[in-house]
Amino acid sequence: MMTSSQNLRMAILGAASLLGKEIVRIAQERELDLSQLRLFSHPNHSGERVEFCDEEIKIEPMRENWSAGMDLAVHVAGDDAESHELDSQILNPDCVLIGSTSVYRENPDFPLVVPEINADVLQHSDKLGIIANPCPGSIQLAMVLGPLAQAVRIRKVCTSNLKPVSEYGQAGIKELEKQCLSVFNLRPIDHRIFPTQIAFNCLSGLHPTAVGRADLIAAQTKRLLGRLDMDVNVTDVLLPMFFGQSQIVHIEFDQPIEEPRITHLFRDADGIEITEDMDSKHHPAPLDAVGGDQILLGPVRSEINETPRLTLWSVMDNLRKGAALNIIQIVEQLFNTRQQKSI
């Protein structure tokens, strides 16, 4: 049984990554009450220090039993076999593992959780050994569709998912930086992370192992909404941006729903901020969302023809709500659920 928040012990595997450091940063911002925080990463990064609550915590090399004595284990070390082999050694009733890799996301036995959408899953947290953190594109799409799905049945969704290079971690950021410098200095373009030049370019149809690929976004969104029968089509596009993710979403409904009702649903939804002025000169851009916790929506544009339709534009910080913040919100929800059960 996980202990109370005042005594919570948490370990993070992959703490030297962009996502690992952001988790620590947000845990501090939201004053997550931890009695112990241990950080692990690949041996190449061991010895680095990360600040948490006026304390510098040394990153340890990943090892067997890395989460021994912990109440929560967070895996953000990527999909390498070595780190997941270590995970297999920690499954015990005293520790909940939150996995943010495709190994966990694609396993139907592990529940995907976005607290604003399906926090009820965590009501049975005493029976959960592993919780999967969805990919950023799935989180964003489910957050937008969730309020609508509560009011009207969604027939079909077509989405363009426009993601930044930080989806590929620090390596993706460095490759874009280097390519930009090469372009400015008229030098040959080198590419190792991406199949071709990404600087001043955009890429679609990336390799099947690409982070948050289109088929995974569609499958995870349907699982999050509990609508495996829903028709969801996603086109995944990589943009030459460092942070900030955008989605263009076309939705078809079984029955009409009026624009004021749609706007009201989004206005009342947790984690969403909607621009209601269609004539506004500035609709939300990806950079507007960077550093924030909200998904920003542009004005609603609906059509009531033979098939009621809605088109939406949304932007999100892919590293915060798209990953790290969602993990911390899961932890907070676990706190609240188990504390209520102990009363």
Protein backbone atom coordinates (compact mmCIF):
# COMPACT_ATOMS: atom_id res chain seq x y z
CA MET A 1 0.00 0.00 0.00
CA MET A 2 1.38 3.40 -0.98
CA THR A 3 2.09 5.67 1.96
CA SER A 4 0.54 9.10 2.58
CA SER A 5 1.78 12.12 0.65
CA GLN A 6 3.75 13.37 3.65
CA ASN A 7 5.89 10.21 3.51
CA LEU A 8 5.92 9.54 -0.22
CA ARG A 9 9.11 8.14 -1.66
CA MET A 10 9.60 8.44 -5.41
CA ALA A 11 12.29 7.31 -7.85
CA ILE A 12 12.71 8.45 -11.46
CA LEU A 13 14.53 6.39 -14.08
CA GLY A 14 15.67 8.66 -16.92
CA ALA A 15 16.11 11.69 -14.68
CA ALA A 16 18.82 13.24 -16.88
CA SER A 17 16.48 13.47 -19.88
CA LEU A 18 14.45 16.53 -20.82
CA LEU A 19 11.34 14.82 -19.48
CA GLY A 20 13.00 13.61 -16.29
CA LYS A 21 14.23 17.09 -15.38
CA GLU A 22 10.84 18.61 -16.20
CA ILE A 23 9.11 16.14 -13.87
CA VAL A 24 11.39 17.24 -11.04
CA ARG A 25 10.79 20.91 -11.88
CA ILE A 26 6.99 20.55 -11.89
CA ALA A 27 7.01 18.47 -8.70
CA GLN A 28 8.74 21.42 -7.04
CA GLU A 29 6.41 24.00 -8.62
CA ARG A 30 3.34 22.14 -7.37
CA GLU A 31 4.95 21.51 -3.96
CA LEU A 32 4.68 17.75 -4.16
CA ASP A 33 5.44 16.60 -0.64
CA LEU A 34 8.15 13.96 -0.95
CA SER A 35 10.09 12.48 1.91
CA GLN A 36 12.59 10.99 -0.54
CA LEU A 37 13.41 11.51 -4.21
CA ARG A 38 15.98 9.34 -5.96
CA LEU A 39 17.14 9.95 -9.51
CA PHE A 40 18.60 7.36 -11.89
CA SER A 41 19.82 7.50 -15.45
CA HIS A 42 22.21 5.94 -17.92
CA PRO A 43 25.75 5.68 -16.48
CA ASN A 44 26.89 8.38 -18.92
CA HIS A 45 24.83 10.89 -16.92
CA SER A 46 25.52 9.60 -13.42
CA GLY A 47 27.00 12.21 -11.15
CA GLU A 48 24.98 15.07 -12.64
CA ARG A 49 22.96 17.03 -10.11
CA VAL A 50 19.36 18.23 -10.28
CA GLU A 51 17.95 20.86 -7.94
CA PHE A 52 14.82 20.04 -5.96
CA CYS A 53 13.50 22.14 -3.06
CA ASP A 54 16.82 23.89 -2.36
CA GLU A 55 18.65 20.59 -2.47
CA GLU A 56 20.92 19.20 -5.17
CA ILE A 57 20.17 15.55 -5.82
CA LYS A 58 22.86 13.48 -7.45
CA ILE A 59 21.80 11.28 -10.39
CA GLU A 60 22.76 7.66 -9.79
CA PRO A 61 23.54 5.09 -12.50
CA MET A 62 20.56 2.85 -13.26
CA ARG A 63 20.87 -0.51 -11.57
CA GLU A 64 18.91 -3.50 -10.39
CA ASN A 65 16.26 -2.79 -7.77
CA TRP A 66 16.48 0.94 -8.55
CA SER A 67 13.10 1.53 -6.92
CA ALA A 68 13.68 -0.55 -3.80
CA GLY A 69 11.93 1.05 -0.83
CA MET A 70 10.00 3.45 -3.04
CA ASP A 71 6.23 4.00 -3.21
CA LEU A 72 6.32 5.34 -6.77
CA ALA A 73 8.63 4.54 -9.67
CA VAL A 74 8.55 6.70 -12.81
CA HIS A 75 10.12 5.32 -15.99
CA VAL A 76 10.99 7.94 -18.63
CA ALA A 77 14.23 6.37 -19.85
CA GLY A 78 13.00 5.52 -23.34
CA ASP A 79 12.35 2.18 -24.97
CA ASP A 80 15.75 0.55 -24.59
CA ALA A 81 15.63 -3.09 -23.50
CA GLU A 82 18.11 -2.63 -20.65
CA SER A 83 15.99 -0.18 -18.68
CA HIS A 84 12.81 -2.22 -19.12
CA GLU A 85 14.62 -5.33 -17.95
CA LEU A 86 15.30 -3.45 -14.73
CA ASP A 87 11.59 -2.56 -14.45
CA SER A 88 10.63 -6.23 -14.45
CA GLN A 89 12.41 -6.59 -11.12
CA ILE A 90 10.39 -3.99 -9.24
CA LEU A 91 6.81 -5.17 -9.64
CA ASN A 92 5.61 -5.57 -6.09
CA PRO A 93 2.44 -4.52 -4.23
CA ASP A 94 4.27 -1.73 -2.41
CA CYS A 95 5.28 0.26 -5.51
CA VAL A 96 3.27 1.76 -8.36
CA LEU A 97 5.13 2.19 -11.65
CA ILE A 98 4.19 5.02 -14.04
CA GLY A 99 5.63 4.18 -17.45
CA SER A 100 6.04 6.82 -20.14
CA THR A 101 7.32 4.61 -22.97
CA SER A 102 5.66 2.66 -25.77
CA VAL A 103 6.30 -0.61 -23.91
CA TYR A 104 3.66 0.45 -21.39
CA ARG A 105 1.41 2.52 -23.65
CA GLU A 106 0.86 -0.32 -26.09
CA ASN A 107 0.09 -2.94 -23.46
CA PRO A 108 -3.72 -3.19 -22.99
CA ASP A 109 -3.20 -4.55 -19.47
CA PHE A 110 -1.79 -1.21 -18.31
CA PRO A 111 -4.35 1.61 -18.06
CA LEU A 112 -3.62 4.84 -19.91
CA VAL A 113 -4.50 7.82 -17.72
CA VAL A 114 -5.16 11.51 -18.31
CA PRO A 115 -6.63 12.72 -14.99
CA GLU A 116 -8.98 15.26 -16.62
CA ILE A 117 -10.46 12.45 -18.74
CA ASN A 118 -10.43 9.16 -16.82
CA ALA A 119 -9.25 9.77 -13.27
CA ASP A 120 -11.86 7.20 -12.15
CA VAL A 121 -9.38 4.51 -13.22
CA LEU A 122 -7.23 5.52 -10.27
CA GLN A 123 -10.07 4.82 -7.83
CA HIS A 124 -8.85 1.23 -8.01
CA SER A 125 -5.21 2.24 -7.61
CA ASP A 126 -4.65 -0.33 -4.85
CA LYS A 127 -4.97 -2.97 -7.58
CA LEU A 128 -2.77 -1.16 -10.11
CA GLY A 129 0.86 -2.13 -10.40
CA ILE A 130 1.57 -0.19 -13.58
CA ILE A 131 0.00 2.96 -15.07
CA ALA A 132 0.85 4.14 -18.58
CA ASN A 133 1.40 7.80 -19.37
CA PRO A 134 0.04 8.43 -22.93
CA CYS A 135 2.08 10.06 -25.68
CA PRO A 136 1.67 13.86 -26.04
CA GLY A 137 -0.51 13.69 -29.15
CA SER A 138 -2.96 11.34 -27.43
CA ILE A 139 -3.16 13.53 -24.33
CA GLN A 140 -3.88 16.63 -26.39
CA LEU A 141 -6.49 14.98 -28.61
CA ALA A 142 -8.27 13.23 -25.74
CA MET A 143 -8.39 16.47 -23.73
CA VAL A 144 -10.10 18.22 -26.66
CA LEU A 145 -12.51 15.40 -27.48
CA GLY A 146 -13.37 14.54 -23.87
CA PRO A 147 -15.76 17.43 -23.09
CA LEU A 148 -17.54 16.92 -26.42
CA ALA A 149 -17.87 13.17 -25.94
CA GLN A 150 -19.73 13.79 -22.67
CA ALA A 151 -22.45 15.73 -24.54
CA VAL A 152 -22.79 14.14 -27.98
CA ARG A 153 -21.67 10.97 -29.71
CA ILE A 154 -18.61 11.47 -31.90
CA ARG A 155 -18.68 9.58 -35.19
CA LYS A 156 -15.33 10.37 -36.77
CA VAL A 157 -12.17 12.34 -36.02
CA CYS A 158 -9.45 13.42 -38.48
CA THR A 159 -6.43 15.10 -36.93
CA SER A 160 -3.15 16.61 -38.09
CA ASN A 161 -0.66 16.34 -35.23
CA LEU A 162 2.10 18.93 -35.65
CA LYS A 163 4.89 18.15 -33.22
CA PRO A 164 8.28 19.73 -32.34
CA VAL A 165 11.70 18.10 -32.31
CA SER A 166 11.77 17.94 -28.50
CA GLU A 167 9.53 14.88 -28.91
CA TYR A 168 12.85 13.17 -29.65
CA GLY A 169 14.55 14.52 -26.55
CA GLN A 170 17.74 16.50 -26.30
CA ALA A 171 19.13 14.68 -29.35
CA GLY A 172 16.30 16.05 -31.53
CA ILE A 173 16.89 19.58 -30.26
CA LYS A 174 20.62 19.40 -30.90
CA GLU A 175 20.11 18.10 -34.43
CA LEU A 176 17.81 20.99 -35.31
CA GLU A 177 20.26 23.48 -33.76
CA LYS A 178 23.18 22.06 -35.74
CA GLN A 179 21.24 21.96 -38.99
CA CYS A 180 20.16 25.60 -38.60
CA LEU A 181 23.79 26.64 -38.08
CA SER A 182 24.83 24.61 -41.11
CA VAL A 183 22.19 26.32 -43.26
CA PHE A 184 23.27 29.79 -42.11
CA ASN A 185 26.93 28.95 -42.75
CA LEU A 186 26.29 27.22 -46.11
CA ARG A 187 27.63 23.91 -44.83
CA PRO A 188 26.46 20.36 -45.65
CA ILE A 189 23.47 19.19 -43.59
CA ASP A 190 24.11 16.22 -41.33
CA HIS A 191 21.19 14.15 -40.06
CA ARG A 192 21.25 11.24 -37.61
CA ILE A 193 18.05 11.45 -35.60
CA PHE A 194 15.75 12.33 -38.48
CA PRO A 195 15.70 10.70 -41.95
CA THR A 196 16.51 13.97 -43.70
CA GLN A 197 16.90 17.71 -43.02
CA ILE A 198 14.36 19.10 -40.53
CA ALA A 199 15.72 22.66 -40.37
CA PHE A 200 13.40 24.96 -42.38
CA ASN A 201 11.50 21.86 -43.44
CA CYS A 202 8.73 19.57 -42.19
CA LEU A 203 8.52 15.78 -42.22
CA SER A 204 5.61 13.39 -42.36
CA GLY A 205 5.40 9.62 -42.56
CA LEU A 206 8.37 9.14 -40.24
CA HIS A 207 9.83 5.72 -39.45
CA PRO A 208 7.33 3.35 -37.77
CA THR A 209 9.28 3.54 -34.50
CA ALA A 210 8.84 7.33 -34.37
CA VAL A 211 7.79 8.82 -31.05
CA GLY A 212 4.01 9.20 -30.77
CA ARG A 213 3.40 7.88 -34.29
CA ALA A 214 -0.01 8.40 -35.85
CA ASP A 215 -1.45 4.94 -35.28
CA LEU A 216 -0.51 5.04 -31.60
CA ILE A 217 -2.12 8.45 -31.13
CA ALA A 218 -5.37 7.14 -32.61
CA ALA A 219 -5.35 3.90 -30.60
CA GLN A 220 -4.49 5.59 -27.30
CA THR A 221 -7.13 8.29 -27.78
CA LYS A 222 -9.84 5.68 -28.29
CA ARG A 223 -8.72 3.81 -25.16
CA LEU A 224 -8.69 7.00 -23.08
CA LEU A 225 -12.23 7.89 -24.17
CA GLY A 226 -13.52 4.33 -23.86
CA ARG A 227 -14.59 4.42 -27.51
CA LEU A 228 -12.71 1.66 -29.31
CA ASP A 229 -15.34 1.80 -32.08
CA MET A 230 -14.70 5.47 -32.90
CA ASP A 231 -13.13 6.24 -36.28
CA VAL A 232 -9.93 8.21 -35.56
CA ASN A 233 -7.43 9.12 -38.30
CA VAL A 234 -4.19 10.93 -37.49
CA THR A 235 -1.53 12.46 -39.73
CA ASP A 236 1.72 13.00 -37.83
CA VAL A 237 3.97 15.87 -38.95
CA LEU A 238 7.30 16.97 -37.48
CA LEU A 239 7.94 20.73 -37.55
CA PRO A 240 11.27 22.59 -37.15
CA MET A 241 10.24 23.90 -33.72
CA PHE A 242 11.88 23.13 -30.40
CA PHE A 243 8.76 23.10 -28.19
CA GLY A 244 5.01 23.49 -28.59
CA GLN A 245 2.62 21.07 -30.26
CA SER A 246 -0.40 21.89 -32.45
CA GLN A 247 -3.38 19.93 -33.70
CA ILE A 248 -5.97 20.62 -36.37
CA VAL A 249 -9.01 18.52 -35.47
CA HIS A 250 -12.01 17.80 -37.71
CA ILE A 251 -14.88 16.10 -35.86
CA GLU A 252 -18.11 14.56 -37.13
CA PHE A 253 -21.07 13.98 -34.79
CA ASP A 254 -24.13 11.74 -34.89
CA GLN A 255 -26.39 14.69 -34.11
CA PRO A 256 -26.15 18.50 -34.25
CA ILE A 257 -24.65 20.49 -31.39
CA GLU A 258 -24.77 24.29 -31.36
CA GLU A 259 -21.67 26.47 -31.11
CA PRO A 260 -22.68 28.16 -27.82
CA ARG A 261 -23.06 24.72 -26.26
CA ILE A 262 -19.64 23.65 -27.53
CA THR A 263 -18.02 26.83 -26.22
CA HIS A 264 -19.69 26.31 -22.84
CA LEU A 265 -18.36 22.73 -22.64
CA PHE A 266 -14.80 23.88 -23.28
CA ARG A 267 -15.11 26.85 -20.94
CA ASP A 268 -16.04 24.48 -18.10
CA ALA A 269 -13.43 21.84 -18.93
CA ASP A 270 -10.37 21.47 -16.71
CA GLY A 271 -7.07 22.13 -18.42
CA ILE A 272 -8.51 23.98 -21.44
CA GLU A 273 -8.58 27.67 -22.26
CA ILE A 274 -10.65 28.72 -25.27
CA THR A 275 -10.46 31.87 -27.40
CA GLU A 276 -14.06 32.85 -27.98
CA ASP A 277 -13.55 35.86 -30.25
CA MET A 278 -13.60 34.67 -33.87
CA ASP A 279 -12.51 38.16 -34.97
CA SER A 280 -9.50 38.22 -32.67
CA LYS A 281 -6.29 39.15 -34.49
CA HIS A 282 -4.33 36.62 -32.47
CA HIS A 283 -5.45 33.03 -32.19
CA PRO A 284 -3.30 30.79 -29.95
CA ALA A 285 0.05 29.78 -31.43
CA PRO A 286 2.29 26.93 -30.22
CA LEU A 287 4.71 29.27 -28.48
CA ASP A 288 1.79 30.77 -26.51
CA ALA A 289 1.36 27.41 -24.81
CA VAL A 290 5.04 26.79 -24.02
CA GLY A 291 5.66 27.05 -20.29
CA GLY A 292 1.96 26.80 -19.48
CA ASP A 293 -0.26 24.00 -18.21
CA GLN A 294 -3.34 24.67 -20.34
CA ILE A 295 -4.32 23.43 -23.77
CA LEU A 296 -5.23 26.54 -25.74
CA LEU A 297 -8.11 26.37 -28.23
CA GLY A 298 -8.90 28.72 -31.07
CA PRO A 299 -12.50 29.79 -31.77
CA VAL A 300 -15.05 27.09 -32.56
CA ARG A 301 -16.09 26.66 -36.21
CA SER A 302 -19.01 24.29 -36.72
CA GLU A 303 -21.12 23.22 -39.70
CA ILE A 304 -24.62 21.80 -39.54
CA ASN A 305 -25.22 20.02 -42.84
CA GLU A 306 -26.21 16.43 -43.43
CA THR A 307 -23.38 15.49 -41.09
CA PRO A 308 -22.73 17.92 -38.20
CA ARG A 309 -19.06 18.88 -38.21
CA LEU A 310 -16.64 20.87 -36.07
CA THR A 311 -13.13 22.13 -36.79
CA LEU A 312 -10.76 23.01 -33.94
CA TRP A 313 -7.22 24.35 -33.57
CA SER A 314 -5.39 23.52 -30.34
CA VAL A 315 -1.86 24.11 -29.00
CA MET A 316 -0.05 22.63 -26.01
CA ASP A 317 3.33 22.49 -24.31
CA ASN A 318 4.34 18.97 -25.33
CA LEU A 319 6.87 18.61 -22.51
CA ARG A 320 4.60 19.85 -19.71
CA LYS A 321 0.95 18.79 -20.13
CA GLY A 322 2.02 16.47 -22.94
CA ALA A 323 4.21 14.47 -20.55
CA ALA A 324 5.66 15.70 -17.24
CA LEU A 325 2.63 17.53 -15.84
CA ASN A 326 0.36 14.60 -16.68
CA ILE A 327 2.64 12.30 -14.69
CA ILE A 328 2.62 14.63 -11.67
CA GLN A 329 -1.17 14.93 -11.89
CA ILE A 330 -1.42 11.13 -11.83
CA VAL A 331 0.75 11.11 -8.70
CA GLU A 332 -1.42 13.80 -7.08
CA GLN A 333 -4.57 11.86 -7.93
CA LEU A 334 -3.07 8.72 -6.40
CA PHE A 335 -2.38 10.76 -3.24
CA ASN A 336 -5.94 11.98 -3.03
CA THR A 337 -7.52 8.61 -3.74
CA ARG A 338 -5.50 6.71 -1.17
CA GLN A 339 -5.81 9.39 1.46
CA GLN A 340 -9.61 9.34 1.08
CA LYS A 341 -9.62 5.56 1.48
CA SER A 342 -7.55 5.81 4.64
CA ILE A 343 -10.00 8.23 6.31
